[in-house]
Amino acid sequence: MNEWIDELEPEEIEARLNKDMALVYQECGLETAKLLWEKLAGLNIYVSEKSLFDIKRLYIRRFHNAADPKCDKKALAIRLKVSEKFVQECLSSADEGADPRQGKLV
């Protein structure tokens, strides 16, 4: 839909991007920026890490295997860029929705 943008020079595009779209363009590229304009133009979007942490919890619970060095706590922490403590708390938490980064009330 926005193929006409490809006919412009990158410098011309970059000079006209607002702060948020400049960040998208810089970090994700022109194709992603064009998709956002096509599908979500006019929306304010907040990219929260909460969903990502929920998905990481699911991944930890599904793939943890203490007997496999490729799927033990340390390996999962490295792969998901979280602490070993986060992995341990995910595994010991009975509540799937619980956020191990939050303290427990006694």
PDB file of N, CA and C in Angstrom:
ATOM      1  N   MET A   1       0.817  -1.194   0.000  1.00  0.00           N
ATOM      2  CA  MET A   1       0.000   0.000   0.000  1.00  0.00           C
ATOM      3  C   MET A   1       0.860   1.257   0.000  1.00  0.00           C
ATOM      4  N   ASN A   2       1.962   1.238   0.751  1.00  0.00           N
ATOM      5  CA  ASN A   2       2.831   2.411   0.851  1.00  0.00           C
ATOM      6  C   ASN A   2       4.121   2.227   0.048  1.00  0.00           C
ATOM      7  N   GLU A   3       4.034   1.493  -1.066  1.00  0.00           N
ATOM      8  CA  GLU A   3       5.229   1.222  -1.870  1.00  0.00           C
ATOM      9  C   GLU A   3       5.864   2.489  -2.420  1.00  0.00           C
ATOM     10  N   TRP A   4       5.084   3.534  -2.612  1.00  0.00           N
ATOM     11  CA  TRP A   4       5.594   4.793  -3.148  1.00  0.00           C
ATOM     12  C   TRP A   4       6.704   5.366  -2.271  1.00  0.00           C
ATOM     13  N   ILE A   5       6.678   5.010  -0.984  1.00  0.00           N
ATOM     14  CA  ILE A   5       7.705   5.508  -0.063  1.00  0.00           C
ATOM     15  C   ILE A   5       9.089   5.038  -0.499  1.00  0.00           C
ATOM     16  N   ASP A   6       9.150   3.847  -1.110  1.00  0.00           N
ATOM     17  CA  ASP A   6      10.426   3.283  -1.546  1.00  0.00           C
ATOM     18  C   ASP A   6      11.105   4.135  -2.623  1.00  0.00           C
ATOM     19  N   GLU A   7      10.354   5.010  -3.271  1.00  0.00           N
ATOM     20  CA  GLU A   7      10.910   5.862  -4.322  1.00  0.00           C
ATOM     21  C   GLU A   7      11.670   7.062  -3.742  1.00  0.00           C
ATOM     22  N   LEU A   8      11.564   7.278  -2.446  1.00  0.00           N
ATOM     23  CA  LEU A   8      12.254   8.381  -1.778  1.00  0.00           C
ATOM     24  C   LEU A   8      13.590   7.906  -1.235  1.00  0.00           C
ATOM     25  N   GLU A   9      14.488   8.846  -1.025  1.00  0.00           N
ATOM     26  CA  GLU A   9      15.793   8.539  -0.444  1.00  0.00           C
ATOM     27  C   GLU A   9      15.635   8.336   1.067  1.00  0.00           C
ATOM     28  N   PRO A  10      16.394   7.414   1.658  1.00  0.00           N
ATOM     29  CA  PRO A  10      16.313   7.183   3.103  1.00  0.00           C
ATOM     30  C   PRO A  10      16.499   8.457   3.929  1.00  0.00           C
ATOM     31  N   GLU A  11      17.409   9.317   3.513  1.00  0.00           N
ATOM     32  CA  GLU A  11      17.648  10.557   4.259  1.00  0.00           C
ATOM     33  C   GLU A  11      16.406  11.450   4.253  1.00  0.00           C
ATOM     34  N   GLU A  12      15.678  11.458   3.129  1.00  0.00           N
ATOM     35  CA  GLU A  12      14.460  12.267   3.032  1.00  0.00           C
ATOM     36  C   GLU A  12      13.386  11.742   3.982  1.00  0.00           C
ATOM     37  N   ILE A  13      13.297  10.431   4.081  1.00  0.00           N
ATOM     38  CA  ILE A  13      12.307   9.808   4.974  1.00  0.00           C
ATOM     39  C   ILE A  13      12.685  10.095   6.430  1.00  0.00           C
ATOM     40  N   GLU A  14      13.939   9.813   6.784  1.00  0.00           N
ATOM     41  CA  GLU A  14      14.406   9.995   8.161  1.00  0.00           C
ATOM     42  C   GLU A  14      14.191  11.422   8.654  1.00  0.00           C
ATOM     43  N   ALA A  15      14.386  12.402   7.788  1.00  0.00           N
ATOM     44  CA  ALA A  15      14.263  13.804   8.180  1.00  0.00           C
ATOM     45  C   ALA A  15      12.828  14.187   8.530  1.00  0.00           C
ATOM     46  N   ARG A  16      11.862  13.383   8.125  1.00  0.00           N
ATOM     47  CA  ARG A  16      10.460  13.731   8.330  1.00  0.00           C
ATOM     48  C   ARG A  16       9.754  12.856   9.369  1.00  0.00           C
ATOM     49  N   LEU A  17      10.486  11.989  10.024  1.00  0.00           N
ATOM     50  CA  LEU A  17       9.880  11.097  11.016  1.00  0.00           C
ATOM     51  C   LEU A  17       9.819  11.767  12.376  1.00  0.00           C
ATOM     52  N   ASN A  18       8.681  11.583  13.068  1.00  0.00           N
ATOM     53  CA  ASN A  18       8.600  12.081  14.438  1.00  0.00           C
ATOM     54  C   ASN A  18       9.396  11.144  15.347  1.00  0.00           C
ATOM     55  N   LYS A  19       9.487  11.490  16.611  1.00  0.00           N
ATOM     56  CA  LYS A  19      10.344  10.760  17.554  1.00  0.00           C
ATOM     57  C   LYS A  19      10.040   9.258  17.595  1.00  0.00           C
ATOM     58  N   ASP A  20       8.767   8.885  17.752  1.00  0.00           N
ATOM     59  CA  ASP A  20       8.410   7.465  17.853  1.00  0.00           C
ATOM     60  C   ASP A  20       8.656   6.716  16.546  1.00  0.00           C
ATOM     61  N   MET A  21       8.247   7.298  15.439  1.00  0.00           N
ATOM     62  CA  MET A  21       8.447   6.623  14.161  1.00  0.00           C
ATOM     63  C   MET A  21       9.919   6.584  13.779  1.00  0.00           C
ATOM     64  N   ALA A  22      10.685   7.564  14.201  1.00  0.00           N
ATOM     65  CA  ALA A  22      12.128   7.529  13.963  1.00  0.00           C
ATOM     66  C   ALA A  22      12.745   6.340  14.701  1.00  0.00           C
ATOM     67  N   LEU A  23      12.273   6.099  15.911  1.00  0.00           N
ATOM     68  CA  LEU A  23      12.757   4.960  16.686  1.00  0.00           C
ATOM     69  C   LEU A  23      12.378   3.641  16.011  1.00  0.00           C
ATOM     70  N   VAL A  24      11.125   3.524  15.562  1.00  0.00           N
ATOM     71  CA  VAL A  24      10.686   2.317  14.854  1.00  0.00           C
ATOM     72  C   VAL A  24      11.541   2.112  13.610  1.00  0.00           C
ATOM     73  N   TYR A  25      11.728   3.163  12.841  1.00  0.00           N
ATOM     74  CA  TYR A  25      12.519   3.091  11.607  1.00  0.00           C
ATOM     75  C   TYR A  25      13.954   2.666  11.908  1.00  0.00           C
ATOM     76  N   GLN A  26      14.544   3.260  12.924  1.00  0.00           N
ATOM     77  CA  GLN A  26      15.932   2.969  13.282  1.00  0.00           C
ATOM     78  C   GLN A  26      16.097   1.535  13.786  1.00  0.00           C
ATOM     79  N   GLU A  27      15.201   1.085  14.652  1.00  0.00           N
ATOM     80  CA  GLU A  27      15.354  -0.221  15.301  1.00  0.00           C
ATOM     81  C   GLU A  27      14.758  -1.385  14.511  1.00  0.00           C
ATOM     82  N   CYS A  28      13.708  -1.101  13.712  1.00  0.00           N
ATOM     83  CA  CYS A  28      12.972  -2.187  13.054  1.00  0.00           C
ATOM     84  C   CYS A  28      12.983  -2.109  11.529  1.00  0.00           C
ATOM     85  N   GLY A  29      13.323  -0.945  10.986  1.00  0.00           N
ATOM     86  CA  GLY A  29      13.428  -0.814   9.544  1.00  0.00           C
ATOM     87  C   GLY A  29      12.201  -0.199   8.887  1.00  0.00           C
ATOM     88  N   LEU A  30      12.378   0.127   7.615  1.00  0.00           N
ATOM     89  CA  LEU A  30      11.336   0.794   6.852  1.00  0.00           C
ATOM     90  C   LEU A  30      10.109  -0.092   6.646  1.00  0.00           C
ATOM     91  N   GLU A  31      10.310  -1.379   6.420  1.00  0.00           N
ATOM     92  CA  GLU A  31       9.164  -2.268   6.172  1.00  0.00           C
ATOM     93  C   GLU A  31       8.223  -2.301   7.372  1.00  0.00           C
ATOM     94  N   THR A  32       8.783  -2.347   8.577  1.00  0.00           N
ATOM     95  CA  THR A  32       7.965  -2.335   9.784  1.00  0.00           C
ATOM     96  C   THR A  32       7.252  -1.003   9.934  1.00  0.00           C
ATOM     97  N   ALA A  33       7.950   0.089   9.661  1.00  0.00           N
ATOM     98  CA  ALA A  33       7.323   1.416   9.733  1.00  0.00           C
ATOM     99  C   ALA A  33       6.162   1.505   8.743  1.00  0.00           C
ATOM    100  N   LYS A  34       6.362   0.998   7.547  1.00  0.00           N
ATOM    101  CA  LYS A  34       5.296   1.032   6.536  1.00  0.00           C
ATOM    102  C   LYS A  34       4.100   0.186   6.965  1.00  0.00           C
ATOM    103  N   LEU A  35       4.360  -0.964   7.569  1.00  0.00           N
ATOM    104  CA  LEU A  35       3.257  -1.808   8.066  1.00  0.00           C
ATOM    105  C   LEU A  35       2.464  -1.104   9.162  1.00  0.00           C
ATOM    106  N   LEU A  36       3.175  -0.432  10.063  1.00  0.00           N
ATOM    107  CA  LEU A  36       2.483   0.312  11.122  1.00  0.00           C
ATOM    108  C   LEU A  36       1.620   1.426  10.527  1.00  0.00           C
ATOM    109  N   TRP A  37       2.145   2.149   9.548  1.00  0.00           N
ATOM    110  CA  TRP A  37       1.354   3.199   8.897  1.00  0.00           C
ATOM    111  C   TRP A  37       0.136   2.608   8.204  1.00  0.00           C
ATOM    112  N   GLU A  38       0.326   1.462   7.568  1.00  0.00           N
ATOM    113  CA  GLU A  38      -0.776   0.839   6.827  1.00  0.00           C
ATOM    114  C   GLU A  38      -1.850   0.286   7.764  1.00  0.00           C
ATOM    115  N   LYS A  39      -1.449  -0.401   8.812  1.00  0.00           N
ATOM    116  CA  LYS A  39      -2.404  -1.122   9.668  1.00  0.00           C
ATOM    117  C   LYS A  39      -2.863  -0.338  10.891  1.00  0.00           C
ATOM    118  N   LEU A  40      -2.006   0.539  11.428  1.00  0.00           N
ATOM    119  CA  LEU A  40      -2.306   1.148  12.721  1.00  0.00           C
ATOM    120  C   LEU A  40      -2.146   2.663  12.747  1.00  0.00           C
ATOM    121  N   ALA A  41      -2.183   3.305  11.598  1.00  0.00           N
ATOM    122  CA  ALA A  41      -1.994   4.754  11.546  1.00  0.00           C
ATOM    123  C   ALA A  41      -3.022   5.453  12.434  1.00  0.00           C
ATOM    124  N   GLY A  42      -2.556   6.426  13.201  1.00  0.00           N
ATOM    125  CA  GLY A  42      -3.435   7.216  14.056  1.00  0.00           C
ATOM    126  C   GLY A  42      -3.602   6.678  15.465  1.00  0.00           C
ATOM    127  N   LEU A  43      -3.076   5.493  15.744  1.00  0.00           N
ATOM    128  CA  LEU A  43      -3.199   4.909  17.085  1.00  0.00           C
ATOM    129  C   LEU A  43      -1.975   5.230  17.926  1.00  0.00           C
ATOM    130  N   ASN A  44      -2.201   5.443  19.208  1.00  0.00           N
ATOM    131  CA  ASN A  44      -1.100   5.540  20.169  1.00  0.00           C
ATOM    132  C   ASN A  44      -0.905   4.148  20.740  1.00  0.00           C
ATOM    133  N   ILE A  45       0.295   3.642  20.675  1.00  0.00           N
ATOM    134  CA  ILE A  45       0.561   2.277  21.131  1.00  0.00           C
ATOM    135  C   ILE A  45       1.654   2.306  22.187  1.00  0.00           C
ATOM    136  N   TYR A  46       1.401   1.615  23.297  1.00  0.00           N
ATOM    137  CA  TYR A  46       2.384   1.452  24.355  1.00  0.00           C
ATOM    138  C   TYR A  46       2.861   0.008  24.291  1.00  0.00           C
ATOM    139  N   VAL A  47       4.141  -0.204  24.181  1.00  0.00           N
ATOM    140  CA  VAL A  47       4.698  -1.550  24.079  1.00  0.00           C
ATOM    141  C   VAL A  47       5.195  -1.950  25.464  1.00  0.00           C
ATOM    142  N   SER A  48       4.338  -2.657  26.203  1.00  0.00           N
ATOM    143  CA  SER A  48       4.653  -3.078  27.555  1.00  0.00           C
ATOM    144  C   SER A  48       5.415  -4.401  27.539  1.00  0.00           C
ATOM    145  N   GLU A  49       6.259  -4.600  28.531  1.00  0.00           N
ATOM    146  CA  GLU A  49       6.971  -5.868  28.667  1.00  0.00           C
ATOM    147  C   GLU A  49       6.158  -6.914  29.433  1.00  0.00           C
ATOM    148  N   LYS A  50       5.011  -6.541  29.989  1.00  0.00           N
ATOM    149  CA  LYS A  50       4.222  -7.482  30.786  1.00  0.00           C
ATOM    150  C   LYS A  50       3.870  -8.726  29.981  1.00  0.00           C
ATOM    151  N   SER A  51       3.365  -8.535  28.775  1.00  0.00           N
ATOM    152  CA  SER A  51       3.005  -9.690  27.947  1.00  0.00           C
ATOM    153  C   SER A  51       4.226 -10.546  27.643  1.00  0.00           C
ATOM    154  N   LEU A  52       5.352  -9.893  27.382  1.00  0.00           N
ATOM    155  CA  LEU A  52       6.573 -10.627  27.090  1.00  0.00           C
ATOM    156  C   LEU A  52       7.003 -11.461  28.296  1.00  0.00           C
ATOM    157  N   PHE A  53       6.894 -10.892  29.504  1.00  0.00           N
ATOM    158  CA  PHE A  53       7.239 -11.664  30.703  1.00  0.00           C
ATOM    159  C   PHE A  53       6.266 -12.819  30.928  1.00  0.00           C
ATOM    160  N   ASP A  54       4.991 -12.615  30.626  1.00  0.00           N
ATOM    161  CA  ASP A  54       4.015 -13.717  30.722  1.00  0.00           C
ATOM    162  C   ASP A  54       4.391 -14.841  29.765  1.00  0.00           C
ATOM    163  N   ILE A  55       4.821 -14.488  28.570  1.00  0.00           N
ATOM    164  CA  ILE A  55       5.224 -15.489  27.573  1.00  0.00           C
ATOM    165  C   ILE A  55       6.511 -16.182  28.012  1.00  0.00           C
ATOM    166  N   LYS A  56       7.420 -15.433  28.623  1.00  0.00           N
ATOM    167  CA  LYS A  56       8.649 -16.045  29.145  1.00  0.00           C
ATOM    168  C   LYS A  56       8.321 -17.043  30.246  1.00  0.00           C
ATOM    169  N   ARG A  57       7.368 -16.703  31.121  1.00  0.00           N
ATOM    170  CA  ARG A  57       6.951 -17.644  32.184  1.00  0.00           C
ATOM    171  C   ARG A  57       6.413 -18.938  31.582  1.00  0.00           C
ATOM    172  N   LEU A  58       5.556 -18.795  30.578  1.00  0.00           N
ATOM    173  CA  LEU A  58       5.004 -19.964  29.899  1.00  0.00           C
ATOM    174  C   LEU A  58       6.127 -20.810  29.313  1.00  0.00           C
ATOM    175  N   TYR A  59       7.072 -20.174  28.652  1.00  0.00           N
ATOM    176  CA  TYR A  59       8.198 -20.876  28.034  1.00  0.00           C
ATOM    177  C   TYR A  59       9.015 -21.623  29.087  1.00  0.00           C
ATOM    178  N   ILE A  60       9.290 -20.961  30.201  1.00  0.00           N
ATOM    179  CA  ILE A  60      10.072 -21.584  31.285  1.00  0.00           C
ATOM    180  C   ILE A  60       9.357 -22.818  31.799  1.00  0.00           C
ATOM    181  N   ARG A  61       8.071 -22.694  32.083  1.00  0.00           N
ATOM    182  CA  ARG A  61       7.313 -23.838  32.621  1.00  0.00           C
ATOM    183  C   ARG A  61       7.230 -24.977  31.617  1.00  0.00           C
ATOM    184  N   ARG A  62       7.124 -24.644  30.355  1.00  0.00           N
ATOM    185  CA  ARG A  62       6.976 -25.688  29.347  1.00  0.00           C
ATOM    186  C   ARG A  62       8.292 -26.394  29.035  1.00  0.00           C
ATOM    187  N   PHE A  63       9.400 -25.660  28.978  1.00  0.00           N
ATOM    188  CA  PHE A  63      10.632 -26.235  28.467  1.00  0.00           C
ATOM    189  C   PHE A  63      11.704 -26.523  29.514  1.00  0.00           C
ATOM    190  N   HIS A  64      11.459 -26.174  30.784  1.00  0.00           N
ATOM    191  CA  HIS A  64      12.465 -26.465  31.802  1.00  0.00           C
ATOM    192  C   HIS A  64      12.645 -27.966  31.951  1.00  0.00           C
ATOM    193  N   ASN A  65      13.906 -28.373  31.972  1.00  0.00           N
ATOM    194  CA  ASN A  65      14.257 -29.777  32.190  1.00  0.00           C
ATOM    195  C   ASN A  65      15.611 -29.779  32.895  1.00  0.00           C
ATOM    196  N   ALA A  66      15.587 -30.030  34.186  1.00  0.00           N
ATOM    197  CA  ALA A  66      16.811 -29.966  34.995  1.00  0.00           C
ATOM    198  C   ALA A  66      17.861 -30.963  34.523  1.00  0.00           C
ATOM    199  N   ALA A  67      17.432 -32.057  33.891  1.00  0.00           N
ATOM    200  CA  ALA A  67      18.364 -33.090  33.454  1.00  0.00           C
ATOM    201  C   ALA A  67      19.052 -32.735  32.133  1.00  0.00           C
ATOM    202  N   ASP A  68      18.563 -31.735  31.445  1.00  0.00           N
ATOM    203  CA  ASP A  68      19.124 -31.345  30.150  1.00  0.00           C
ATOM    204  C   ASP A  68      19.852 -30.003  30.295  1.00  0.00           C
ATOM    205  N   PRO A  69      21.168 -29.983  30.114  1.00  0.00           N
ATOM    206  CA  PRO A  69      21.917 -28.730  30.268  1.00  0.00           C
ATOM    207  C   PRO A  69      21.456 -27.624  29.307  1.00  0.00           C
ATOM    208  N   LYS A  70      20.794 -27.986  28.237  1.00  0.00           N
ATOM    209  CA  LYS A  70      20.300 -26.979  27.294  1.00  0.00           C
ATOM    210  C   LYS A  70      18.973 -26.370  27.747  1.00  0.00           C
ATOM    211  N   CYS A  71      18.346 -26.989  28.741  1.00  0.00           N
ATOM    212  CA  CYS A  71      17.044 -26.506  29.221  1.00  0.00           C
ATOM    213  C   CYS A  71      16.980 -26.379  30.737  1.00  0.00           C
ATOM    214  N   ASP A  72      18.131 -26.347  31.392  1.00  0.00           N
ATOM    215  CA  ASP A  72      18.107 -26.161  32.838  1.00  0.00           C
ATOM    216  C   ASP A  72      17.910 -24.679  33.170  1.00  0.00           C
ATOM    217  N   LYS A  73      17.858 -24.359  34.448  1.00  0.00           N
ATOM    218  CA  LYS A  73      17.566 -22.983  34.878  1.00  0.00           C
ATOM    219  C   LYS A  73      18.546 -21.970  34.301  1.00  0.00           C
ATOM    220  N   LYS A  74      19.819 -22.282  34.360  1.00  0.00           N
ATOM    221  CA  LYS A  74      20.842 -21.352  33.878  1.00  0.00           C
ATOM    222  C   LYS A  74      20.704 -21.131  32.370  1.00  0.00           C
ATOM    223  N   ALA A  75      20.515 -22.196  31.617  1.00  0.00           N
ATOM    224  CA  ALA A  75      20.380 -22.080  30.159  1.00  0.00           C
ATOM    225  C   ALA A  75      19.138 -21.276  29.783  1.00  0.00           C
ATOM    226  N   LEU A  76      18.024 -21.518  30.484  1.00  0.00           N
ATOM    227  CA  LEU A  76      16.803 -20.753  30.201  1.00  0.00           C
ATOM    228  C   LEU A  76      16.990 -19.280  30.550  1.00  0.00           C
ATOM    229  N   ALA A  77      17.663 -19.000  31.657  1.00  0.00           N
ATOM    230  CA  ALA A  77      17.912 -17.605  32.050  1.00  0.00           C
ATOM    231  C   ALA A  77      18.725 -16.882  30.981  1.00  0.00           C
ATOM    232  N   ILE A  78      19.734 -17.546  30.476  1.00  0.00           N
ATOM    233  CA  ILE A  78      20.569 -16.941  29.433  1.00  0.00           C
ATOM    234  C   ILE A  78      19.759 -16.736  28.152  1.00  0.00           C
ATOM    235  N   ARG A  79      19.037 -17.761  27.743  1.00  0.00           N
ATOM    236  CA  ARG A  79      18.258 -17.695  26.499  1.00  0.00           C
ATOM    237  C   ARG A  79      17.209 -16.592  26.545  1.00  0.00           C
ATOM    238  N   LEU A  80      16.544 -16.438  27.692  1.00  0.00           N
ATOM    239  CA  LEU A  80      15.448 -15.481  27.807  1.00  0.00           C
ATOM    240  C   LEU A  80      15.891 -14.120  28.347  1.00  0.00           C
ATOM    241  N   LYS A  81      17.186 -14.006  28.665  1.00  0.00           N
ATOM    242  CA  LYS A  81      17.735 -12.752  29.203  1.00  0.00           C
ATOM    243  C   LYS A  81      17.011 -12.316  30.477  1.00  0.00           C
ATOM    244  N   VAL A  82      16.904 -13.286  31.393  1.00  0.00           N
ATOM    245  CA  VAL A  82      16.335 -13.033  32.714  1.00  0.00           C
ATOM    246  C   VAL A  82      17.306 -13.623  33.744  1.00  0.00           C
ATOM    247  N   SER A  83      17.035 -13.381  35.010  1.00  0.00           N
ATOM    248  CA  SER A  83      17.902 -13.932  36.052  1.00  0.00           C
ATOM    249  C   SER A  83      17.506 -15.382  36.354  1.00  0.00           C
ATOM    250  N   GLU A  84      18.450 -16.108  36.950  1.00  0.00           N
ATOM    251  CA  GLU A  84      18.134 -17.466  37.405  1.00  0.00           C
ATOM    252  C   GLU A  84      17.045 -17.418  38.469  1.00  0.00           C
ATOM    253  N   LYS A  85      17.063 -16.364  39.276  1.00  0.00           N
ATOM    254  CA  LYS A  85      16.040 -16.212  40.312  1.00  0.00           C
ATOM    255  C   LYS A  85      14.658 -16.092  39.675  1.00  0.00           C
ATOM    256  N   PHE A  86      14.547 -15.339  38.592  1.00  0.00           N
ATOM    257  CA  PHE A  86      13.271 -15.223  37.877  1.00  0.00           C
ATOM    258  C   PHE A  86      12.804 -16.602  37.410  1.00  0.00           C
ATOM    259  N   VAL A  87      13.721 -17.388  36.841  1.00  0.00           N
ATOM    260  CA  VAL A  87      13.378 -18.738  36.374  1.00  0.00           C
ATOM    261  C   VAL A  87      12.915 -19.586  37.546  1.00  0.00           C
ATOM    262  N   GLN A  88      13.663 -19.565  38.655  1.00  0.00           N
ATOM    263  CA  GLN A  88      13.298 -20.354  39.838  1.00  0.00           C
ATOM    264  C   GLN A  88      11.923 -19.949  40.352  1.00  0.00           C
ATOM    265  N   GLU A  89      11.666 -18.654  40.431  1.00  0.00           N
ATOM    266  CA  GLU A  89      10.382 -18.189  40.943  1.00  0.00           C
ATOM    267  C   GLU A  89       9.236 -18.572  40.002  1.00  0.00           C
ATOM    268  N   CYS A  90       9.485 -18.583  38.710  1.00  0.00           N
ATOM    269  CA  CYS A  90       8.464 -19.034  37.756  1.00  0.00           C
ATOM    270  C   CYS A  90       8.131 -20.505  37.992  1.00  0.00           C
ATOM    271  N   LEU A  91       9.152 -21.289  38.227  1.00  0.00           N
ATOM    272  CA  LEU A  91       8.950 -22.723  38.428  1.00  0.00           C
ATOM    273  C   LEU A  91       8.297 -23.035  39.766  1.00  0.00           C
ATOM    274  N   SER A  92       8.576 -22.231  40.779  1.00  0.00           N
ATOM    275  CA  SER A  92       8.021 -22.513  42.101  1.00  0.00           C
ATOM    276  C   SER A  92       6.663 -21.848  42.309  1.00  0.00           C
ATOM    277  N   SER A  93       6.274 -20.960  41.430  1.00  0.00           N
ATOM    278  CA  SER A  93       4.996 -20.258  41.556  1.00  0.00           C
ATOM    279  C   SER A  93       3.853 -21.163  41.119  1.00  0.00           C
ATOM    280  N   ALA A  94       2.861 -21.312  41.985  1.00  0.00           N
ATOM    281  CA  ALA A  94       1.694 -22.135  41.644  1.00  0.00           C
ATOM    282  C   ALA A  94       0.720 -21.372  40.760  1.00  0.00           C
ATOM    283  N   ASP A  95       0.745 -20.063  40.848  1.00  0.00           N
ATOM    284  CA  ASP A  95      -0.194 -19.225  40.102  1.00  0.00           C
ATOM    285  C   ASP A  95       0.438 -18.806  38.796  1.00  0.00           C
ATOM    286  N   GLU A  96      -0.136 -19.242  37.655  1.00  0.00           N
ATOM    287  CA  GLU A  96       0.423 -18.912  36.341  1.00  0.00           C
ATOM    288  C   GLU A  96       0.460 -17.421  36.103  1.00  0.00           C
ATOM    289  N   GLY A  97      -0.470 -16.664  36.686  1.00  0.00           N
ATOM    290  CA  GLY A  97      -0.519 -15.229  36.461  1.00  0.00           C
ATOM    291  C   GLY A  97       0.358 -14.447  37.414  1.00  0.00           C
ATOM    292  N   ALA A  98       0.941 -15.131  38.386  1.00  0.00           N
ATOM    293  CA  ALA A  98       1.759 -14.436  39.377  1.00  0.00           C
ATOM    294  C   ALA A  98       3.010 -13.868  38.721  1.00  0.00           C
ATOM    295  N   ASP A  99       3.382 -12.692  39.136  1.00  0.00           N
ATOM    296  CA  ASP A  99       4.577 -12.041  38.619  1.00  0.00           C
ATOM    297  C   ASP A  99       5.691 -12.239  39.623  1.00  0.00           C
ATOM    298  N   PRO A 100       6.693 -13.074  39.311  1.00  0.00           N
ATOM    299  CA  PRO A 100       7.751 -13.345  40.270  1.00  0.00           C
ATOM    300  C   PRO A 100       8.586 -12.111  40.609  1.00  0.00           C
ATOM    301  N   ARG A 101       8.447 -11.043  39.841  1.00  0.00           N
ATOM    302  CA  ARG A 101       9.183  -9.817  40.150  1.00  0.00           C
ATOM    303  C   ARG A 101       8.512  -9.061  41.294  1.00  0.00           C
ATOM    304  N   GLN A 102       7.274  -9.433  41.626  1.00  0.00           N
ATOM    305  CA  GLN A 102       6.550  -8.777  42.706  1.00  0.00           C
ATOM    306  C   GLN A 102       6.802  -9.517  44.015  1.00  0.00           C
ATOM    307  N   GLY A 103       6.927  -8.784  45.066  1.00  0.00           N
ATOM    308  CA  GLY A 103       7.150  -9.396  46.372  1.00  0.00           C
ATOM    309  C   GLY A 103       5.917 -10.126  46.879  1.00  0.00           C
ATOM    310  N   LYS A 104       6.136 -11.049  47.776  1.00  0.00           N
ATOM    311  CA  LYS A 104       5.020 -11.795  48.367  1.00  0.00           C
ATOM    312  C   LYS A 104       4.631 -11.122  49.680  1.00  0.00           C
ATOM    313  N   LEU A 105       3.339 -10.983  49.870  1.00  0.00           N
ATOM    314  CA  LEU A 105       2.830 -10.426  51.121  1.00  0.00           C
ATOM    315  C   LEU A 105       2.668 -11.532  52.130  1.00  0.00           C
ATOM    316  N   VAL A 106       3.089 -11.294  53.350  1.00  0.00           N
ATOM    317  CA  VAL A 106       3.003 -12.320  54.391  1.00  0.00           C
ATOM    318  C   VAL A 106       1.971 -11.894  55.399  1.00  0.00           C
TER     319      VAL A 106
END
